[in-house]
Amino acid sequence: MEFGNGYFPWFALRVRSQCENSVAAVLAGKGYEWFLPRYKSRRVWSDRIKEIQLPLFPGYVFCRFDPDRRLPIVTIPGFVSVVGMGKSPIPIDDAEIAGIQAAVRSGLPSQPWPFLQIGQRVRINYGPLCDLEGILLDFRGQSRLVLSVTLLQRSVAVNMDAAWVTP
C-alpha cells in the first residue's frame, strides 16, 4: 500500500487501562513512530501533593504503520484494538495529530476536554500556536482552544489568549 506523503497514516491504538506507557515503549523498541500526548495534573494524597503526567487520551496511543502489516502491533502486551469500522482500521487526519503535537510542544497548560461538534471554529494568528485551527471557548473567564480527534470523539483544551484568534 503506497501513500502520497511517503508516510503511513496515523492510527489510534486502543490499549488496556494504565498500559499507554508500556505499549509506547514497545512501539519505540520496534521502530514505529508513535505519539502519546500527556498533560500535567496535580494529585493530592493525605501526606503530599504531587504533579504527575497523565495521558490526554486515556486508553489510546497514536502510531504510524502500514495497515496491511499490523501483526507486530496486535501482539504487543496491553494492545486491545486498532480504532476503525469492524476489522478495517480508520486513519486519523494528519492535521489533527499535528495540531495536538503543536499544542503539547507549546508548553501551554492543557487538559482533556469533552468532544465538541458545535462552536465557532477559529484560526490562531499569533503566539506559539500560530496557524492552528480549533474551537474557541470561554471557560471560567479563560479563553481556550479546543483541538479534536474526530475518530475518537475526544478533545483537548489549551489555555490561550483570545486576542490571538480570528474566525
N, C-alpha and C. Protein backbone atom coordinates (compact mmCIF):
# COMPACT_ATOMS: atom_id res chain seq x y z
N MET A 1 0.85 -1.18 0.00
CA MET A 1 0.00 0.00 0.00
C MET A 1 0.89 1.23 0.00
N GLU A 2 0.69 2.13 -0.94
CA GLU A 2 1.52 3.33 -1.08
C GLU A 2 0.71 4.54 -0.67
N PHE A 3 1.33 5.46 0.05
CA PHE A 3 0.65 6.67 0.49
C PHE A 3 1.33 7.87 -0.13
N GLY A 4 0.54 8.90 -0.48
CA GLY A 4 1.03 10.06 -1.20
C GLY A 4 2.14 10.83 -0.51
N ASN A 5 2.12 10.92 0.81
CA ASN A 5 3.12 11.73 1.50
C ASN A 5 4.38 10.95 1.85
N GLY A 6 4.45 9.68 1.44
CA GLY A 6 5.63 8.87 1.75
C GLY A 6 5.60 8.27 3.13
N TYR A 7 4.64 8.64 3.95
CA TYR A 7 4.50 8.11 5.30
C TYR A 7 3.21 7.32 5.39
N PHE A 8 3.19 6.40 6.32
CA PHE A 8 1.94 5.71 6.60
C PHE A 8 1.06 6.64 7.43
N PRO A 9 -0.25 6.44 7.39
CA PRO A 9 -1.13 7.33 8.16
C PRO A 9 -1.07 7.02 9.66
N TRP A 10 -1.58 7.96 10.44
CA TRP A 10 -1.70 7.77 11.88
C TRP A 10 -2.95 6.94 12.17
N PHE A 11 -2.83 6.03 13.13
CA PHE A 11 -3.97 5.26 13.61
C PHE A 11 -4.01 5.37 15.13
N ALA A 12 -5.20 5.21 15.69
CA ALA A 12 -5.35 5.20 17.14
C ALA A 12 -5.37 3.74 17.60
N LEU A 13 -4.48 3.42 18.51
CA LEU A 13 -4.44 2.08 19.10
C LEU A 13 -5.16 2.13 20.44
N ARG A 14 -6.17 1.30 20.60
CA ARG A 14 -6.86 1.20 21.90
C ARG A 14 -6.02 0.25 22.74
N VAL A 15 -5.68 0.68 23.96
CA VAL A 15 -4.86 -0.14 24.84
C VAL A 15 -5.56 -0.31 26.18
N ARG A 16 -5.12 -1.31 26.94
CA ARG A 16 -5.70 -1.53 28.26
C ARG A 16 -5.41 -0.35 29.17
N SER A 17 -6.26 -0.18 30.16
CA SER A 17 -6.10 0.90 31.13
C SER A 17 -4.72 0.85 31.78
N GLN A 18 -4.08 2.00 31.89
CA GLN A 18 -2.76 2.15 32.51
C GLN A 18 -1.63 1.49 31.71
N CYS A 19 -1.88 1.09 30.47
CA CYS A 19 -0.85 0.44 29.65
C CYS A 19 -0.30 1.34 28.55
N GLU A 20 -0.68 2.62 28.54
CA GLU A 20 -0.25 3.52 27.47
C GLU A 20 1.27 3.60 27.38
N ASN A 21 1.95 3.79 28.51
CA ASN A 21 3.41 3.95 28.51
C ASN A 21 4.12 2.67 28.07
N SER A 22 3.65 1.52 28.53
CA SER A 22 4.32 0.27 28.17
C SER A 22 4.13 -0.05 26.68
N VAL A 23 2.94 0.22 26.14
CA VAL A 23 2.71 0.00 24.71
C VAL A 23 3.58 0.95 23.90
N ALA A 24 3.68 2.21 24.31
CA ALA A 24 4.52 3.19 23.61
C ALA A 24 5.98 2.76 23.63
N ALA A 25 6.44 2.22 24.76
CA ALA A 25 7.83 1.77 24.87
C ALA A 25 8.11 0.61 23.90
N VAL A 26 7.17 -0.33 23.79
CA VAL A 26 7.35 -1.46 22.87
C VAL A 26 7.32 -0.96 21.42
N LEU A 27 6.41 -0.03 21.11
CA LEU A 27 6.36 0.54 19.75
C LEU A 27 7.69 1.20 19.40
N ALA A 28 8.25 1.95 20.34
CA ALA A 28 9.54 2.61 20.11
C ALA A 28 10.63 1.57 19.88
N GLY A 29 10.61 0.49 20.67
CA GLY A 29 11.60 -0.57 20.52
C GLY A 29 11.51 -1.28 19.18
N LYS A 30 10.31 -1.31 18.61
CA LYS A 30 10.12 -1.96 17.30
C LYS A 30 10.32 -0.98 16.14
N GLY A 31 10.63 0.28 16.45
CA GLY A 31 10.94 1.26 15.42
C GLY A 31 9.75 1.99 14.82
N TYR A 32 8.60 1.93 15.46
CA TYR A 32 7.42 2.63 14.96
C TYR A 32 7.44 4.09 15.41
N GLU A 33 6.84 4.96 14.59
CA GLU A 33 6.62 6.35 15.01
C GLU A 33 5.33 6.35 15.82
N TRP A 34 5.42 6.79 17.06
CA TRP A 34 4.27 6.78 17.96
C TRP A 34 4.13 8.14 18.62
N PHE A 35 2.96 8.38 19.21
CA PHE A 35 2.68 9.64 19.88
C PHE A 35 1.75 9.37 21.04
N LEU A 36 2.19 9.76 22.24
CA LEU A 36 1.39 9.63 23.45
C LEU A 36 1.35 10.99 24.13
N PRO A 37 0.37 11.84 23.78
CA PRO A 37 0.32 13.17 24.39
C PRO A 37 -0.05 13.09 25.87
N ARG A 38 0.63 13.91 26.67
CA ARG A 38 0.41 13.91 28.12
C ARG A 38 0.16 15.33 28.61
N TYR A 39 -0.45 15.43 29.79
CA TYR A 39 -0.63 16.72 30.45
C TYR A 39 -0.26 16.58 31.91
N LYS A 40 0.03 17.72 32.54
CA LYS A 40 0.40 17.72 33.96
C LYS A 40 -0.85 17.88 34.80
N SER A 41 -0.94 17.08 35.86
CA SER A 41 -2.07 17.14 36.77
C SER A 41 -1.56 17.07 38.20
N ARG A 42 -2.18 17.82 39.08
CA ARG A 42 -1.81 17.76 40.50
C ARG A 42 -2.68 16.73 41.20
N ARG A 43 -2.05 15.83 41.91
CA ARG A 43 -2.76 14.82 42.69
C ARG A 43 -2.48 15.06 44.16
N VAL A 44 -3.52 14.98 44.97
CA VAL A 44 -3.39 15.23 46.40
C VAL A 44 -3.53 13.91 47.14
N TRP A 45 -2.50 13.57 47.90
CA TRP A 45 -2.55 12.44 48.80
C TRP A 45 -2.64 12.97 50.22
N SER A 46 -2.86 12.11 51.17
CA SER A 46 -3.00 12.56 52.56
C SER A 46 -1.74 13.23 53.09
N ASP A 47 -0.57 12.85 52.56
CA ASP A 47 0.68 13.39 53.09
C ASP A 47 1.41 14.33 52.15
N ARG A 48 0.94 14.48 50.90
CA ARG A 48 1.68 15.33 49.96
C ARG A 48 0.83 15.66 48.73
N ILE A 49 1.33 16.62 47.98
CA ILE A 49 0.75 16.98 46.68
C ILE A 49 1.83 16.73 45.64
N LYS A 50 1.45 16.06 44.56
CA LYS A 50 2.44 15.71 43.54
C LYS A 50 1.90 16.06 42.16
N GLU A 51 2.77 16.57 41.29
CA GLU A 51 2.41 16.83 39.91
C GLU A 51 2.82 15.62 39.08
N ILE A 52 1.85 15.04 38.36
CA ILE A 52 2.13 13.85 37.57
C ILE A 52 1.73 14.08 36.12
N GLN A 53 2.26 13.25 35.23
CA GLN A 53 1.93 13.29 33.80
C GLN A 53 0.87 12.22 33.52
N LEU A 54 -0.23 12.63 32.92
CA LEU A 54 -1.30 11.70 32.56
C LEU A 54 -1.56 11.79 31.06
N PRO A 55 -2.05 10.71 30.44
CA PRO A 55 -2.36 10.76 29.00
C PRO A 55 -3.53 11.70 28.72
N LEU A 56 -3.40 12.51 27.67
CA LEU A 56 -4.51 13.37 27.25
C LEU A 56 -5.66 12.54 26.70
N PHE A 57 -5.34 11.39 26.13
CA PHE A 57 -6.35 10.48 25.59
C PHE A 57 -6.18 9.13 26.29
N PRO A 58 -6.74 8.99 27.51
CA PRO A 58 -6.55 7.73 28.25
C PRO A 58 -7.04 6.53 27.44
N GLY A 59 -6.22 5.49 27.41
CA GLY A 59 -6.59 4.28 26.70
C GLY A 59 -6.20 4.26 25.24
N TYR A 60 -5.48 5.29 24.77
CA TYR A 60 -5.10 5.37 23.36
C TYR A 60 -3.63 5.75 23.20
N VAL A 61 -2.99 5.16 22.20
CA VAL A 61 -1.66 5.56 21.74
C VAL A 61 -1.78 5.71 20.23
N PHE A 62 -1.21 6.77 19.69
CA PHE A 62 -1.24 7.00 18.25
C PHE A 62 0.02 6.43 17.62
N CYS A 63 -0.12 5.83 16.44
CA CYS A 63 1.01 5.19 15.79
C CYS A 63 0.84 5.24 14.27
N ARG A 64 1.98 5.44 13.58
CA ARG A 64 2.00 5.35 12.11
C ARG A 64 2.43 3.93 11.74
N PHE A 65 1.66 3.28 10.88
CA PHE A 65 2.06 1.95 10.42
C PHE A 65 1.28 1.58 9.16
N ASP A 66 1.78 0.55 8.48
CA ASP A 66 1.12 0.01 7.30
C ASP A 66 -0.06 -0.84 7.79
N PRO A 67 -1.29 -0.45 7.47
CA PRO A 67 -2.44 -1.21 7.98
C PRO A 67 -2.49 -2.66 7.48
N ASP A 68 -1.78 -2.96 6.39
CA ASP A 68 -1.74 -4.33 5.88
C ASP A 68 -0.71 -5.18 6.62
N ARG A 69 0.14 -4.55 7.42
CA ARG A 69 1.18 -5.27 8.16
C ARG A 69 1.13 -4.87 9.63
N ARG A 70 0.02 -5.22 10.28
CA ARG A 70 -0.15 -4.80 11.67
C ARG A 70 0.08 -5.92 12.68
N LEU A 71 0.49 -7.09 12.24
CA LEU A 71 0.70 -8.20 13.17
C LEU A 71 1.69 -7.86 14.29
N PRO A 72 2.83 -7.20 14.01
CA PRO A 72 3.74 -6.88 15.11
C PRO A 72 3.11 -5.95 16.16
N ILE A 73 2.09 -5.20 15.76
CA ILE A 73 1.43 -4.28 16.70
C ILE A 73 0.38 -5.01 17.53
N VAL A 74 -0.41 -5.86 16.89
CA VAL A 74 -1.50 -6.53 17.61
C VAL A 74 -0.99 -7.53 18.63
N THR A 75 0.28 -7.91 18.55
CA THR A 75 0.84 -8.87 19.52
C THR A 75 1.49 -8.18 20.72
N ILE A 76 1.46 -6.85 20.78
CA ILE A 76 2.06 -6.11 21.89
C ILE A 76 1.21 -6.32 23.15
N PRO A 77 1.84 -6.67 24.28
CA PRO A 77 1.08 -6.80 25.53
C PRO A 77 0.40 -5.47 25.89
N GLY A 78 -0.88 -5.53 26.22
CA GLY A 78 -1.63 -4.34 26.56
C GLY A 78 -2.44 -3.78 25.39
N PHE A 79 -2.12 -4.22 24.16
CA PHE A 79 -2.87 -3.77 22.98
C PHE A 79 -4.26 -4.39 23.01
N VAL A 80 -5.29 -3.59 22.64
CA VAL A 80 -6.66 -4.10 22.57
C VAL A 80 -7.13 -4.16 21.12
N SER A 81 -7.06 -3.02 20.40
CA SER A 81 -7.51 -3.00 19.01
C SER A 81 -7.04 -1.72 18.33
N VAL A 82 -7.17 -1.72 17.00
CA VAL A 82 -6.96 -0.50 16.22
C VAL A 82 -8.34 0.09 15.99
N VAL A 83 -8.50 1.37 16.26
CA VAL A 83 -9.80 2.02 16.12
C VAL A 83 -10.19 2.05 14.64
N GLY A 84 -11.41 1.59 14.36
CA GLY A 84 -11.89 1.56 12.99
C GLY A 84 -13.30 1.03 12.92
N MET A 85 -13.69 0.62 11.71
CA MET A 85 -15.01 0.04 11.48
C MET A 85 -14.83 -1.45 11.30
N GLY A 86 -15.31 -2.23 12.24
CA GLY A 86 -15.12 -3.67 12.17
C GLY A 86 -13.65 -4.00 12.23
N LYS A 87 -13.16 -4.73 11.21
CA LYS A 87 -11.74 -5.09 11.17
C LYS A 87 -10.92 -4.13 10.31
N SER A 88 -11.55 -3.09 9.79
CA SER A 88 -10.85 -2.12 8.95
C SER A 88 -10.44 -0.90 9.77
N PRO A 89 -9.13 -0.69 9.97
CA PRO A 89 -8.70 0.49 10.73
C PRO A 89 -8.97 1.77 9.94
N ILE A 90 -9.33 2.82 10.64
CA ILE A 90 -9.58 4.12 10.01
C ILE A 90 -8.46 5.06 10.40
N PRO A 91 -7.76 5.65 9.39
CA PRO A 91 -6.67 6.57 9.72
C PRO A 91 -7.18 7.88 10.30
N ILE A 92 -6.34 8.51 11.10
CA ILE A 92 -6.64 9.82 11.67
C ILE A 92 -6.01 10.88 10.78
N ASP A 93 -6.72 11.96 10.58
CA ASP A 93 -6.23 13.07 9.76
C ASP A 93 -4.90 13.59 10.32
N ASP A 94 -3.89 13.69 9.45
CA ASP A 94 -2.57 14.18 9.87
C ASP A 94 -2.65 15.56 10.52
N ALA A 95 -3.54 16.42 10.04
CA ALA A 95 -3.67 17.77 10.60
C ALA A 95 -4.15 17.73 12.05
N GLU A 96 -5.02 16.77 12.39
CA GLU A 96 -5.49 16.66 13.77
C GLU A 96 -4.34 16.25 14.70
N ILE A 97 -3.53 15.28 14.27
CA ILE A 97 -2.38 14.86 15.08
C ILE A 97 -1.37 15.99 15.17
N ALA A 98 -1.10 16.67 14.06
CA ALA A 98 -0.14 17.78 14.06
C ALA A 98 -0.59 18.89 15.00
N GLY A 99 -1.88 19.15 15.07
CA GLY A 99 -2.41 20.16 15.98
C GLY A 99 -2.19 19.79 17.44
N ILE A 100 -2.45 18.53 17.78
CA ILE A 100 -2.23 18.06 19.16
C ILE A 100 -0.74 18.11 19.48
N GLN A 101 0.11 17.70 18.54
CA GLN A 101 1.56 17.74 18.78
C GLN A 101 2.04 19.17 19.01
N ALA A 102 1.54 20.12 18.22
CA ALA A 102 1.94 21.52 18.39
C ALA A 102 1.49 22.06 19.74
N ALA A 103 0.29 21.69 20.16
CA ALA A 103 -0.21 22.15 21.46
C ALA A 103 0.64 21.60 22.60
N VAL A 104 1.03 20.32 22.52
CA VAL A 104 1.86 19.71 23.56
C VAL A 104 3.24 20.36 23.57
N ARG A 105 3.84 20.57 22.39
CA ARG A 105 5.16 21.20 22.30
C ARG A 105 5.16 22.63 22.81
N SER A 106 4.03 23.34 22.69
CA SER A 106 3.97 24.75 23.08
C SER A 106 4.23 24.94 24.57
N GLY A 107 3.95 23.91 25.36
CA GLY A 107 4.14 24.02 26.81
C GLY A 107 3.01 24.74 27.52
N LEU A 108 1.99 25.19 26.78
CA LEU A 108 0.85 25.85 27.41
C LEU A 108 0.03 24.80 28.17
N PRO A 109 -0.58 25.20 29.30
CA PRO A 109 -1.37 24.23 30.07
C PRO A 109 -2.51 23.66 29.22
N SER A 110 -2.68 22.36 29.29
CA SER A 110 -3.76 21.71 28.55
C SER A 110 -4.36 20.63 29.43
N GLN A 111 -5.51 20.13 29.02
CA GLN A 111 -6.19 19.08 29.77
C GLN A 111 -7.19 18.40 28.85
N PRO A 112 -7.62 17.17 29.18
CA PRO A 112 -8.66 16.52 28.37
C PRO A 112 -9.94 17.37 28.41
N TRP A 113 -10.70 17.31 27.34
CA TRP A 113 -11.90 18.12 27.23
C TRP A 113 -12.97 17.31 26.53
N PRO A 114 -14.24 17.48 26.90
CA PRO A 114 -15.29 16.74 26.20
C PRO A 114 -15.31 17.07 24.71
N PHE A 115 -15.63 16.09 23.89
CA PHE A 115 -15.66 16.29 22.44
C PHE A 115 -16.77 17.27 22.07
N LEU A 116 -16.45 18.23 21.21
CA LEU A 116 -17.42 19.24 20.79
C LEU A 116 -17.63 19.16 19.29
N GLN A 117 -18.86 19.29 18.85
CA GLN A 117 -19.14 19.36 17.43
C GLN A 117 -19.65 20.73 17.03
N ILE A 118 -20.21 21.45 17.98
CA ILE A 118 -20.72 22.77 17.66
C ILE A 118 -19.88 23.81 18.37
N GLY A 119 -19.83 25.00 17.82
CA GLY A 119 -19.00 26.07 18.35
C GLY A 119 -18.28 26.74 17.20
N GLN A 120 -17.75 27.91 17.47
CA GLN A 120 -17.10 28.66 16.41
C GLN A 120 -15.69 28.14 16.17
N ARG A 121 -15.42 27.83 14.92
CA ARG A 121 -14.08 27.39 14.53
C ARG A 121 -13.22 28.63 14.31
N VAL A 122 -12.02 28.63 14.90
CA VAL A 122 -11.14 29.80 14.80
C VAL A 122 -9.76 29.38 14.34
N ARG A 123 -9.00 30.38 13.90
CA ARG A 123 -7.61 30.17 13.47
C ARG A 123 -6.73 31.04 14.35
N ILE A 124 -5.64 30.47 14.85
CA ILE A 124 -4.69 31.20 15.68
C ILE A 124 -3.72 31.94 14.75
N ASN A 125 -3.57 33.24 14.95
CA ASN A 125 -2.69 34.05 14.10
C ASN A 125 -1.41 34.48 14.78
N TYR A 126 -1.32 34.37 16.09
CA TYR A 126 -0.16 34.84 16.84
C TYR A 126 0.19 33.82 17.93
N GLY A 127 1.36 33.96 18.50
CA GLY A 127 1.76 33.14 19.64
C GLY A 127 2.28 31.77 19.24
N PRO A 128 2.52 30.90 20.23
CA PRO A 128 3.13 29.59 19.97
C PRO A 128 2.23 28.63 19.20
N LEU A 129 0.94 28.91 19.12
CA LEU A 129 0.01 28.03 18.41
C LEU A 129 -0.38 28.60 17.05
N CYS A 130 0.41 29.53 16.53
CA CYS A 130 0.13 30.20 15.26
C CYS A 130 -0.18 29.18 14.15
N ASP A 131 -1.23 29.46 13.37
CA ASP A 131 -1.69 28.66 12.22
C ASP A 131 -2.49 27.42 12.60
N LEU A 132 -2.77 27.20 13.87
CA LEU A 132 -3.64 26.08 14.24
C LEU A 132 -5.10 26.50 14.13
N GLU A 133 -5.96 25.54 13.87
CA GLU A 133 -7.39 25.79 13.86
C GLU A 133 -8.04 24.94 14.92
N GLY A 134 -9.04 25.49 15.57
CA GLY A 134 -9.76 24.77 16.60
C GLY A 134 -11.03 25.52 16.96
N ILE A 135 -11.64 25.14 18.07
CA ILE A 135 -12.87 25.77 18.53
C ILE A 135 -12.53 26.62 19.74
N LEU A 136 -12.98 27.87 19.72
CA LEU A 136 -12.71 28.79 20.81
C LEU A 136 -13.80 28.68 21.87
N LEU A 137 -13.39 28.56 23.12
CA LEU A 137 -14.31 28.50 24.25
C LEU A 137 -13.91 29.52 25.29
N ASP A 138 -14.89 29.93 26.09
CA ASP A 138 -14.60 30.76 27.25
C ASP A 138 -15.00 29.93 28.46
N PHE A 139 -14.02 29.53 29.26
CA PHE A 139 -14.27 28.67 30.41
C PHE A 139 -13.79 29.38 31.66
N ARG A 140 -14.74 29.77 32.51
CA ARG A 140 -14.42 30.48 33.76
C ARG A 140 -13.55 31.71 33.50
N GLY A 141 -13.88 32.45 32.46
CA GLY A 141 -13.15 33.67 32.16
C GLY A 141 -11.82 33.47 31.44
N GLN A 142 -11.44 32.24 31.16
CA GLN A 142 -10.18 31.93 30.48
C GLN A 142 -10.49 31.42 29.08
N SER A 143 -9.83 32.00 28.08
CA SER A 143 -10.02 31.53 26.70
C SER A 143 -9.26 30.23 26.49
N ARG A 144 -9.91 29.32 25.78
CA ARG A 144 -9.30 28.02 25.48
C ARG A 144 -9.54 27.67 24.03
N LEU A 145 -8.55 27.02 23.44
CA LEU A 145 -8.68 26.48 22.10
C LEU A 145 -8.88 24.98 22.25
N VAL A 146 -9.94 24.45 21.66
CA VAL A 146 -10.22 23.02 21.74
C VAL A 146 -9.79 22.38 20.42
N LEU A 147 -8.89 21.40 20.52
CA LEU A 147 -8.40 20.62 19.38
C LEU A 147 -8.99 19.22 19.50
N SER A 148 -9.53 18.69 18.42
CA SER A 148 -10.26 17.43 18.49
C SER A 148 -9.67 16.36 17.59
N VAL A 149 -9.83 15.11 18.02
CA VAL A 149 -9.56 13.94 17.18
C VAL A 149 -10.94 13.33 16.90
N THR A 150 -11.46 13.59 15.72
CA THR A 150 -12.82 13.25 15.37
C THR A 150 -13.09 11.75 15.50
N LEU A 151 -12.17 10.93 15.04
CA LEU A 151 -12.37 9.48 15.07
C LEU A 151 -12.61 8.97 16.48
N LEU A 152 -11.88 9.52 17.46
CA LEU A 152 -12.01 9.07 18.85
C LEU A 152 -13.13 9.79 19.59
N GLN A 153 -13.66 10.85 19.01
CA GLN A 153 -14.63 11.72 19.66
C GLN A 153 -14.10 12.19 21.01
N ARG A 154 -12.87 12.68 20.98
CA ARG A 154 -12.20 13.23 22.16
C ARG A 154 -11.53 14.54 21.78
N SER A 155 -11.34 15.40 22.77
CA SER A 155 -10.76 16.71 22.52
C SER A 155 -9.79 17.08 23.63
N VAL A 156 -8.97 18.10 23.34
CA VAL A 156 -8.01 18.64 24.29
C VAL A 156 -8.21 20.15 24.29
N ALA A 157 -8.25 20.76 25.48
CA ALA A 157 -8.38 22.22 25.60
C ALA A 157 -7.04 22.80 26.02
N VAL A 158 -6.60 23.86 25.32
CA VAL A 158 -5.34 24.53 25.61
C VAL A 158 -5.65 25.97 25.99
N ASN A 159 -5.15 26.43 27.15
CA ASN A 159 -5.32 27.82 27.54
C ASN A 159 -4.58 28.72 26.56
N MET A 160 -5.20 29.83 26.19
CA MET A 160 -4.57 30.75 25.25
C MET A 160 -5.19 32.13 25.38
N ASP A 161 -4.61 33.09 24.71
CA ASP A 161 -5.10 34.46 24.71
C ASP A 161 -6.09 34.63 23.56
N ALA A 162 -7.30 35.09 23.85
CA ALA A 162 -8.33 35.24 22.82
C ALA A 162 -7.92 36.25 21.74
N ALA A 163 -6.99 37.13 22.04
CA ALA A 163 -6.53 38.12 21.05
C ALA A 163 -5.73 37.46 19.93
N TRP A 164 -5.32 36.22 20.09
CA TRP A 164 -4.52 35.52 19.09
C TRP A 164 -5.34 35.00 17.92
N VAL A 165 -6.69 35.01 18.02
CA VAL A 165 -7.51 34.29 17.04
C VAL A 165 -8.29 35.21 16.12
N THR A 166 -8.66 34.65 14.95
CA THR A 166 -9.63 35.26 14.04
C THR A 166 -10.57 34.15 13.58
N PRO A 167 -11.83 34.50 13.30
CA PRO A 167 -12.77 33.47 12.84
C PRO A 167 -12.44 32.96 11.45
